[in-house]
């Protein structure tokens, strides 16, 4: 028989600090970029202008998408990798 009172996770893997709360920040990012990539703002950039031969609308969508990926990556890395001792050398 196994001891049911023993913890399932070894004590060395648990920590005393609270779990990072990424949910509200990720929800805010998703909402923000949902607004930035929705009709009213897209209509502002939907004209015949070009920057270095690239239509302004395409450039806006590309830069907004890159910002979304970068900010999400920074948020996840900052919250999950901050001092947890799992850095590779």
Foldseek 3Di string as FASTA:
>chain_A
DDDPVDDPDDPVQDDPDDADDCVVVLVVLVVVLVVCPDPPNLVVQPDDDDDVNHRSSVVSVVVSVVVSVVVVVCSVCCRPVPPSPPDDD
